[in-house]
Amino acid sequence: QVQLVESGGGLGQPGGSLRVSCVASGSILTISTMSWYRQAPGKERDLVASIGSGGSSNYADSVKGRFTISRDNAKNTAYLEMNSLKPEDTAVYYCHARIRRTVLSGFHDYWGQGTQVTVSS
C-alpha cells in the first residue's frame, strides 16, 4: 500500500503565505515526479506545480513567481510554499506522485486526499 498525506494549508490572508506538505509512505521503491494540483468549487482540477526527482520544476502561469515547490527525497516529502496569496488561490490542494513500488512494477499514479486552502481577509 502507498499513501500520500497532505498537511498544512488552512486560512491565509491576501498577500500572506502558507505552506502545504505531502508525505508519501508505504511500500515505495522510487518516486519520480511529485506534483501539486488544485480544484476550486465548480472547476476542474488543474496542475499548480511539479518537481522531478532531480529537482527540476515547472509551474502554472498563474502561480509563477509566487509559489515554490520543493522536495526532500530522503523523506519522500514534497512541499509547496505559497506567497503573495490571492483570493483566487482558494481551492482544495491535492498532492500527486508517480511511484514505483517494486523492481518488477512500473510507475503508477497516487493521490492524496486533499487539503483546503482559503484566502480571505
C-alpha atoms as a PDB file:
ATOM      1  CA  GLN A   1       0.000   0.000   0.000  1.00  0.00           C
ATOM      2  CA  VAL A   2       1.038   3.552  -0.698  1.00  0.00           C
ATOM      3  CA  GLN A   3      -0.418   6.634   0.939  1.00  0.00           C
ATOM      4  CA  LEU A   4       0.014  10.327   0.253  1.00  0.00           C
ATOM      5  CA  VAL A   5      -0.914  12.530   3.189  1.00  0.00           C
ATOM      6  CA  GLU A   6      -1.129  16.297   2.871  1.00  0.00           C
ATOM      7  CA  SER A   7      -0.856  18.726   5.764  1.00  0.00           C
ATOM      8  CA  GLY A   8      -0.765  22.459   6.222  1.00  0.00           C
ATOM      9  CA  GLY A   9      -2.970  24.865   4.338  1.00  0.00           C
ATOM     10  CA  GLY A  10      -5.904  26.444   6.141  1.00  0.00           C
ATOM     11  CA  LEU A  11      -6.815  30.125   6.126  1.00  0.00           C
ATOM     12  CA  GLY A  12      -4.463  32.738   4.713  1.00  0.00           C
ATOM     13  CA  GLN A  13      -4.793  36.455   4.123  1.00  0.00           C
ATOM     14  CA  PRO A  14      -4.381  38.156   0.764  1.00  0.00           C
ATOM     15  CA  GLY A  15      -0.710  38.924   0.352  1.00  0.00           C
ATOM     16  CA  GLY A  16       0.202  36.389   3.003  1.00  0.00           C
ATOM     17  CA  SER A  17       1.887  32.996   2.930  1.00  0.00           C
ATOM     18  CA  LEU A  18       1.011  29.378   3.555  1.00  0.00           C
ATOM     19  CA  ARG A  19       2.816  26.089   3.136  1.00  0.00           C
ATOM     20  CA  VAL A  20       1.445  22.651   2.394  1.00  0.00           C
ATOM     21  CA  SER A  21       3.347  19.389   2.726  1.00  0.00           C
ATOM     22  CA  CYS A  22       2.858  15.918   1.290  1.00  0.00           C
ATOM     23  CA  VAL A  23       4.398  12.752   2.686  1.00  0.00           C
ATOM     24  CA  ALA A  24       4.403   9.521   0.725  1.00  0.00           C
ATOM     25  CA  SER A  25       4.559   6.353   2.791  1.00  0.00           C
ATOM     26  CA  GLY A  26       4.245   2.620   2.363  1.00  0.00           C
ATOM     27  CA  SER A  27       5.917   0.204   0.002  1.00  0.00           C
ATOM     28  CA  ILE A  28       7.932   2.598  -2.188  1.00  0.00           C
ATOM     29  CA  LEU A  29      10.949   1.806  -4.332  1.00  0.00           C
ATOM     30  CA  THR A  30      11.288   5.165  -6.021  1.00  0.00           C
ATOM     31  CA  ILE A  31       9.307   8.312  -6.717  1.00  0.00           C
ATOM     32  CA  SER A  32       9.664  10.182  -9.963  1.00  0.00           C
ATOM     33  CA  THR A  33       7.545  13.324 -10.322  1.00  0.00           C
ATOM     34  CA  MET A  34       5.736  14.881  -7.375  1.00  0.00           C
ATOM     35  CA  SER A  35       3.105  17.485  -8.116  1.00  0.00           C
ATOM     36  CA  TRP A  36       0.515  19.749  -6.594  1.00  0.00           C
ATOM     37  CA  TYR A  37      -2.888  20.213  -8.196  1.00  0.00           C
ATOM     38  CA  ARG A  38      -5.797  22.336  -7.048  1.00  0.00           C
ATOM     39  CA  GLN A  39      -9.521  22.304  -7.568  1.00  0.00           C
ATOM     40  CA  ALA A  40     -11.798  25.234  -6.844  1.00  0.00           C
ATOM     41  CA  PRO A  41     -15.566  24.737  -6.438  1.00  0.00           C
ATOM     42  CA  GLY A  42     -17.218  24.102  -9.777  1.00  0.00           C
ATOM     43  CA  LYS A  43     -13.908  23.959 -11.616  1.00  0.00           C
ATOM     44  CA  GLU A  44     -11.616  21.260 -12.926  1.00  0.00           C
ATOM     45  CA  ARG A  45      -8.535  20.033 -11.118  1.00  0.00           C
ATOM     46  CA  ASP A  46      -5.531  21.899 -12.506  1.00  0.00           C
ATOM     47  CA  LEU A  47      -1.786  21.421 -12.207  1.00  0.00           C
ATOM     48  CA  VAL A  48      -0.148  24.020  -9.968  1.00  0.00           C
ATOM     49  CA  ALA A  49       3.476  22.847  -9.882  1.00  0.00           C
ATOM     50  CA  SER A  50       5.552  19.730 -10.350  1.00  0.00           C
ATOM     51  CA  ILE A  51       9.093  18.668  -9.487  1.00  0.00           C
ATOM     52  CA  GLY A  52      11.218  15.823 -10.759  1.00  0.00           C
ATOM     53  CA  SER A  53      13.452  13.604  -8.663  1.00  0.00           C
ATOM     54  CA  GLY A  54      16.446  15.702  -9.713  1.00  0.00           C
ATOM     55  CA  GLY A  55      14.788  18.943  -8.669  1.00  0.00           C
ATOM     56  CA  SER A  56      13.660  20.350 -11.998  1.00  0.00           C
ATOM     57  CA  SER A  57      10.343  22.125 -11.584  1.00  0.00           C
ATOM     58  CA  ASN A  58       7.613  23.797 -13.546  1.00  0.00           C
ATOM     59  CA  TYR A  59       4.680  25.990 -12.611  1.00  0.00           C
ATOM     60  CA  ALA A  60       1.311  27.112 -13.851  1.00  0.00           C
ATOM     61  CA  ASP A  61       1.463  30.662 -15.185  1.00  0.00           C
ATOM     62  CA  SER A  62      -0.966  31.803 -12.505  1.00  0.00           C
ATOM     63  CA  VAL A  63       1.466  30.967  -9.688  1.00  0.00           C
ATOM     64  CA  LYS A  64       4.874  31.649 -11.248  1.00  0.00           C
ATOM     65  CA  GLY A  65       6.954  33.904  -9.044  1.00  0.00           C
ATOM     66  CA  ARG A  66       4.642  33.382  -6.056  1.00  0.00           C
ATOM     67  CA  PHE A  67       4.715  29.622  -5.347  1.00  0.00           C
ATOM     68  CA  THR A  68       7.751  27.400  -4.866  1.00  0.00           C
ATOM     69  CA  ILE A  69       7.708  23.618  -4.984  1.00  0.00           C
ATOM     70  CA  SER A  70      10.452  21.594  -3.329  1.00  0.00           C
ATOM     71  CA  ARG A  71      11.057  18.050  -2.168  1.00  0.00           C
ATOM     72  CA  ASP A  72      13.110  16.011   0.241  1.00  0.00           C
ATOM     73  CA  ASN A  73      13.828  12.683  -1.427  1.00  0.00           C
ATOM     74  CA  ALA A  74      15.126  11.113   1.764  1.00  0.00           C
ATOM     75  CA  LYS A  75      11.773  11.813   3.433  1.00  0.00           C
ATOM     76  CA  ASN A  76       9.563  11.147   0.385  1.00  0.00           C
ATOM     77  CA  THR A  77       8.100  14.575   1.003  1.00  0.00           C
ATOM     78  CA  ALA A  78       7.064  17.451  -1.236  1.00  0.00           C
ATOM     79  CA  TYR A  79       6.327  20.997  -0.182  1.00  0.00           C
ATOM     80  CA  LEU A  80       4.519  23.918  -1.746  1.00  0.00           C
ATOM     81  CA  GLU A  81       5.386  27.332  -0.373  1.00  0.00           C
ATOM     82  CA  MET A  82       2.699  29.832  -1.337  1.00  0.00           C
ATOM     83  CA  ASN A  83       3.464  33.539  -1.108  1.00  0.00           C
ATOM     84  CA  SER A  84       1.605  36.692  -2.166  1.00  0.00           C
ATOM     85  CA  LEU A  85      -1.629  34.793  -1.814  1.00  0.00           C
ATOM     86  CA  LYS A  86      -4.695  35.870  -3.750  1.00  0.00           C
ATOM     87  CA  PRO A  87      -8.375  35.033  -3.156  1.00  0.00           C
ATOM     88  CA  GLU A  88      -8.329  33.113  -6.443  1.00  0.00           C
ATOM     89  CA  ASP A  89      -5.800  30.702  -4.902  1.00  0.00           C
ATOM     90  CA  THR A  90      -8.651  29.346  -2.769  1.00  0.00           C
ATOM     91  CA  ALA A  91      -9.079  25.662  -3.578  1.00  0.00           C
ATOM     92  CA  VAL A  92      -8.528  22.135  -2.361  1.00  0.00           C
ATOM     93  CA  TYR A  93      -4.879  21.303  -2.986  1.00  0.00           C
ATOM     94  CA  TYR A  94      -4.038  17.728  -3.929  1.00  0.00           C
ATOM     95  CA  CYS A  95      -0.668  16.004  -3.892  1.00  0.00           C
ATOM     96  CA  HIS A  96       0.159  13.633  -6.745  1.00  0.00           C
ATOM     97  CA  ALA A  97       3.125  11.331  -7.171  1.00  0.00           C
ATOM     98  CA  ARG A  98       4.387   8.845  -9.732  1.00  0.00           C
ATOM     99  CA  ILE A  99       5.614   5.907  -7.674  1.00  0.00           C
ATOM    100  CA  ARG A 100       7.335   2.639  -8.454  1.00  0.00           C
ATOM    101  CA  ARG A 101       6.756   0.039  -5.758  1.00  0.00           C
ATOM    102  CA  THR A 102       8.995  -2.833  -6.852  1.00  0.00           C
ATOM    103  CA  VAL A 103      11.678  -3.577  -9.428  1.00  0.00           C
ATOM    104  CA  LEU A 104       9.101  -5.589 -11.370  1.00  0.00           C
ATOM    105  CA  SER A 105       6.439  -2.899 -11.462  1.00  0.00           C
ATOM    106  CA  GLY A 106       6.104   0.273 -13.478  1.00  0.00           C
ATOM    107  CA  PHE A 107       5.279   3.732 -12.227  1.00  0.00           C
ATOM    108  CA  HIS A 108       1.729   4.349 -11.056  1.00  0.00           C
ATOM    109  CA  ASP A 109      -0.205   7.466 -10.088  1.00  0.00           C
ATOM    110  CA  TYR A 110      -1.143   8.129  -6.479  1.00  0.00           C
ATOM    111  CA  TRP A 111      -3.194  10.975  -4.990  1.00  0.00           C
ATOM    112  CA  GLY A 112      -3.594  12.455  -1.553  1.00  0.00           C
ATOM    113  CA  GLN A 113      -6.958  13.230  -0.001  1.00  0.00           C
ATOM    114  CA  GLY A 114      -6.567  16.981  -0.439  1.00  0.00           C
ATOM    115  CA  THR A 115      -6.187  19.914   1.911  1.00  0.00           C
ATOM    116  CA  GLN A 116      -8.258  23.086   1.873  1.00  0.00           C
ATOM    117  CA  VAL A 117      -6.569  26.437   1.289  1.00  0.00           C
ATOM    118  CA  THR A 118      -8.738  29.507   1.745  1.00  0.00           C
ATOM    119  CA  VAL A 119      -7.501  33.025   1.073  1.00  0.00           C
ATOM    120  CA  SER A 120      -9.689  35.675   2.589  1.00  0.00           C
ATOM    121  CA  SER A 121      -9.463  38.789   4.714  1.00  0.00           C
END
